[in-house]
Protein backbone atom coordinates (compact mmCIF):
# COMPACT_ATOMS: atom_id res chain seq x y z
CA MET A 1 -19.68 -10.24 -26.15
CA THR A 2 -16.22 -8.69 -26.23
CA GLU A 3 -13.90 -8.54 -23.51
CA GLN A 4 -13.21 -4.76 -22.19
CA HIS A 5 -9.75 -3.76 -21.77
CA ASP A 6 -9.16 -1.57 -18.54
CA PRO A 7 -6.99 1.06 -19.68
CA LEU A 8 -4.59 0.72 -16.38
CA THR A 9 -3.91 -2.90 -17.08
CA TRP A 10 -0.20 -3.65 -18.12
CA ARG A 11 0.69 -6.26 -21.01
CA LEU A 12 2.75 -9.35 -20.02
CA LYS A 13 5.87 -9.36 -22.86
CA SER A 14 8.16 -11.81 -21.10
CA GLU A 15 8.90 -13.67 -17.69
CA ARG A 16 12.29 -14.94 -16.42
CA PRO A 17 13.78 -16.19 -13.19
CA GLY A 18 15.47 -13.67 -10.86
CA PRO A 19 15.31 -10.32 -9.31
CA VAL A 20 16.46 -7.33 -11.92
CA GLY A 21 16.66 -4.32 -9.42
CA TYR A 22 13.32 -3.46 -7.75
CA LEU A 23 13.69 -6.69 -5.31
CA ASP A 24 16.59 -7.35 -3.58
CA VAL A 25 16.94 -10.71 -2.45
CA ARG A 26 19.95 -11.93 0.37
CA CYS A 27 20.69 -15.35 1.19
CA ARG A 28 21.55 -15.35 4.96
CA THR A 29 23.26 -18.45 6.36
CA TYR A 30 22.27 -18.96 10.51
CA VAL A 31 23.83 -21.12 13.11
CA GLN A 32 20.80 -22.20 14.74
CA PRO A 33 20.75 -22.98 18.79
CA ASP A 34 21.42 -26.45 17.94
CA GLY A 35 24.27 -25.74 16.18
CA LYS A 36 23.21 -26.68 12.63
CA GLU A 37 23.15 -24.14 9.83
CA SER A 38 20.53 -22.81 7.73
CA ASP A 39 20.23 -20.92 4.77
CA TRP A 40 17.36 -18.30 4.41
CA ASP A 41 16.05 -15.83 1.67
CA VAL A 42 15.70 -12.67 2.67
CA LEU A 43 13.84 -9.63 1.05
CA GLN A 44 15.55 -6.55 1.56
CA GLY A 45 13.66 -3.06 1.21
CA PRO A 46 12.98 0.56 2.24
CA ARG A 47 10.06 1.63 4.31
CA ALA A 48 6.49 2.03 3.04
CA VAL A 49 3.55 3.96 4.08
CA ALA A 50 -0.02 3.31 3.27
CA LEU A 51 -3.28 5.29 3.89
CA VAL A 52 -6.40 5.15 5.00
CA ALA A 53 -7.83 8.28 3.85
CA PHE A 54 -11.41 9.81 4.14
CA THR A 55 -12.58 12.93 2.79
CA GLU A 56 -14.27 16.19 4.48
CA ASP A 57 -17.74 14.61 3.58
CA GLY A 58 -16.69 10.88 4.76
CA HIS A 59 -16.13 9.02 1.31
CA GLY A 60 -12.91 6.78 1.51
CA ILE A 61 -9.92 7.16 -1.06
CA LEU A 62 -8.54 4.28 -3.12
CA VAL A 63 -6.33 4.21 -6.22
CA ARG A 64 -7.14 1.58 -8.59
CA GLN A 65 -3.99 0.78 -10.38
CA TYR A 66 -2.14 -2.52 -12.04
CA ARG A 67 -0.35 -4.81 -9.37
CA PRO A 68 1.95 -7.04 -10.98
CA GLY A 69 1.80 -9.88 -8.39
CA PRO A 70 -2.04 -10.50 -8.83
CA ASP A 71 -1.84 -9.43 -12.41
CA ARG A 72 -4.87 -7.11 -12.42
CA VAL A 73 -5.94 -3.98 -11.56
CA LEU A 74 -6.85 -3.40 -7.88
CA ALA A 75 -8.30 -0.65 -5.84
CA GLU A 76 -5.70 0.18 -3.47
CA LEU A 77 -4.70 2.41 -0.42
CA PRO A 78 -2.60 5.28 -1.58
CA GLY A 79 0.63 4.80 -0.40
CA GLY A 80 4.26 3.96 -1.54
CA LEU A 81 7.70 4.13 -0.34
CA VAL A 82 9.60 6.57 2.27
CA GLU A 83 12.51 8.01 1.11
CA PRO A 84 15.56 7.34 3.19
CA GLU A 85 15.63 10.19 5.52
CA GLU A 86 12.07 11.26 4.79
CA ASP A 87 9.75 11.52 7.92
CA VAL A 88 6.84 8.86 7.38
CA MET A 89 4.28 11.41 7.90
CA ALA A 90 5.85 13.46 5.20
CA ALA A 91 5.82 10.32 2.71
CA ALA A 92 2.10 9.98 3.69
CA ALA A 93 0.88 13.22 2.51
CA ARG A 94 3.36 13.22 -0.46
CA GLU A 95 2.06 9.86 -1.47
CA LEU A 96 -1.63 10.99 -1.23
CA LEU A 97 -1.29 14.02 -2.83
CA GLU A 98 1.01 12.38 -5.66
CA GLU A 99 -1.91 9.43 -6.30
CA THR A 100 -5.09 11.09 -5.85
CA GLY A 101 -4.62 14.99 -5.83
CA TYR A 102 -6.19 15.24 -2.06
CA GLN A 103 -4.26 16.94 0.72
CA THR A 104 -4.54 15.25 4.32
CA GLY A 105 -6.43 17.47 7.02
CA SER A 106 -5.40 15.39 10.03
CA ALA A 107 -3.19 12.34 9.77
CA GLU A 108 -1.61 9.80 12.53
CA ILE A 109 0.68 6.60 12.09
CA VAL A 110 -1.80 3.83 13.65
CA MET A 111 0.30 0.74 12.96
CA GLN A 112 3.98 -0.22 11.92
CA THR A 113 5.05 -4.00 10.81
CA TYR A 114 6.87 -6.03 8.52
CA LEU A 115 5.97 -7.38 5.23
CA ALA A 116 6.58 -10.66 6.61
CA SER A 117 9.03 -12.99 8.14
CA PHE A 118 11.41 -13.15 5.26
CA ALA A 119 11.38 -9.13 4.63
CA THR A 120 13.26 -6.39 6.23
CA HIS A 121 10.45 -3.94 4.86
CA VAL A 122 9.02 -1.88 7.67
CA ARG A 123 5.43 -0.75 6.67
CA TYR A 124 2.93 2.05 8.21
CA ALA A 125 -0.33 2.36 8.27
CA VAL A 126 -1.69 6.16 8.43
CA LEU A 127 -5.24 7.14 8.93
CA ALA A 128 -5.84 10.55 7.40
CA ARG A 129 -9.21 12.41 7.90
CA ASP A 130 -10.68 15.73 6.42
CA CYS A 131 -8.60 14.96 3.43
CA ARG A 132 -9.46 17.73 0.46
CA LYS A 133 -9.00 17.95 -3.25
CA VAL A 134 -6.30 20.37 -4.28
CA GLY A 135 -5.04 19.33 -7.45
CA GLU A 136 -5.06 16.37 -10.09
CA PRO A 137 -2.71 13.31 -9.28
CA THR A 138 1.13 13.53 -10.70
CA PRO A 139 2.03 9.68 -10.22
CA ASP A 140 5.81 9.01 -10.82
CA ALA A 141 6.65 7.72 -14.16
CA GLU A 142 5.73 4.00 -13.81
CA GLU A 143 2.68 4.55 -12.14
CA PHE A 144 -0.80 4.83 -13.87
CA VAL A 145 -3.31 5.64 -11.56
CA ASP A 146 -7.08 6.35 -11.27
CA PRO A 147 -8.37 7.83 -8.02
CA LEU A 148 -11.48 6.36 -6.87
CA LEU A 149 -14.04 7.63 -3.88
CA LEU A 150 -16.47 5.49 -2.35
CA PRO A 151 -19.15 6.06 0.29
CA ARG A 152 -17.76 4.96 3.76
CA GLU A 153 -19.99 1.72 3.67
CA GLU A 154 -18.73 0.59 0.63
CA TYR A 155 -15.07 1.71 1.29
CA VAL A 156 -15.19 -0.17 4.78
CA ALA A 157 -16.80 -3.64 2.75
CA HIS A 158 -14.07 -3.22 0.26
CA LEU A 159 -11.25 -3.25 2.71
CA LEU A 160 -12.83 -5.74 4.66
CA GLY A 161 -13.43 -7.87 1.15
CA GLY A 162 -9.43 -7.79 0.86
CA GLN A 163 -9.29 -7.51 -2.80
CA TYR A 164 -6.29 -5.18 -2.60
CA THR A 165 -2.53 -5.34 -1.00
CA ASP A 166 -1.72 -3.94 2.37
CA ALA A 167 -4.87 -5.69 3.77
CA ASP A 168 -3.22 -5.50 7.25
CA LEU A 169 -2.84 -1.93 7.05
CA GLY A 170 -6.49 -1.08 5.88
CA LEU A 171 -7.77 -3.02 8.79
CA ALA A 172 -5.42 -1.17 11.29
CA GLY A 173 -6.96 2.05 9.86
CA LEU A 174 -10.59 1.22 9.89
CA VAL A 175 -9.83 -0.05 13.70
CA ALA A 176 -8.26 3.37 14.50
CA ALA A 177 -11.23 5.21 12.56
CA GLY A 178 -13.33 3.17 15.10
CA LEU A 179 -14.87 1.31 11.89
CA LEU A 180 -14.29 -1.90 13.46
CA LYS A 181 -14.46 -2.95 17.14
CA GLN A 182 -11.43 -4.52 18.86
CA THR A 183 -11.90 -7.60 20.63
CA GLY A 184 -9.97 -9.55 23.51
């Protein structure tokens, strides 16, 4: 049996240590309360947004795309970087349209968080409802995407399964949509 190649998969050509421009890592030296100094690598980056998006008929919208970290194609939340002076909601609408060809109906920011304790990136979860198809995807030059619609139950199961990045933003969107119950 031959292995099928996913047309979205990238092929690794080489690997070398150190960032090459996409990631900005800075070493910060801190003086701790006891007077000792410690160095910390801090990942610097722009704001980002991810959408938990539903069509008018209740299907969840995802984007299949290759992710270099996991080294595989994942069904991801639509989203991307927020330009420096751009409004988060405008960025969410732009990213959804670019990656999927869908336009938001109603949308709201449901969570804001940091990428990690060692990063400056602020990330936003947006819940978008009543999205409708208005065109074809127009991804950026280095994006190779394949929009995917899933029935609500399959969509929720996918987001709960964790086989995508931005799982925290996905869960926040499901809670805001009333598809998961908050406890405590």
